[in-house]
């Protein structure tokens, strides 16, 4: 029985060694599984971190775009204000030019009125040769301007056929 015992002992020893190996392998497998789980957690964390980094970059881009948009909106508002001011200025300039023209006309009118008041007025009638039919009546203002008076008569004698002038 000794052989059986020895064989049994070897089998037990072999089984114990195999058990120890299996236990060592199981422990190693648990370590690897734990490492794999930790690696998966790290990989998930890295992916999450990349997503957060992408989101932060997108947020910064949106924030930059919003700032740029606000600047453009402010510039557009300023441009509209300047355009409105320019239009208003052009209107004022046009009004000032019109006012200056009216003032010049008023001054000219006052001068003419003053001249008319101080001048002798003569009324002449332009008629045909036999004066049977009057063609037109016109006024000549004589203010010591002999040349002007002479010019009108010269014009009428040379331009109008059969011109005769009678003082009324």
Foldseek 3Di string as FASTA:
>chain_A
DVVVVVVVVVVVVVVVVVVVVVVVVVVVVVVVVVVVVVVVVVVVVVVVVVVVVVVVVVVVVVVVVVVVVVVVVVVVVVVVVVVVVVVVVVVVVVVVVVVVVVVVVVVVVVVVVVQQVQWDKWKKWWAAQVRPDTDDIDIDTCDVCVVVVVVVVVCCVPPPPRTDIDTD
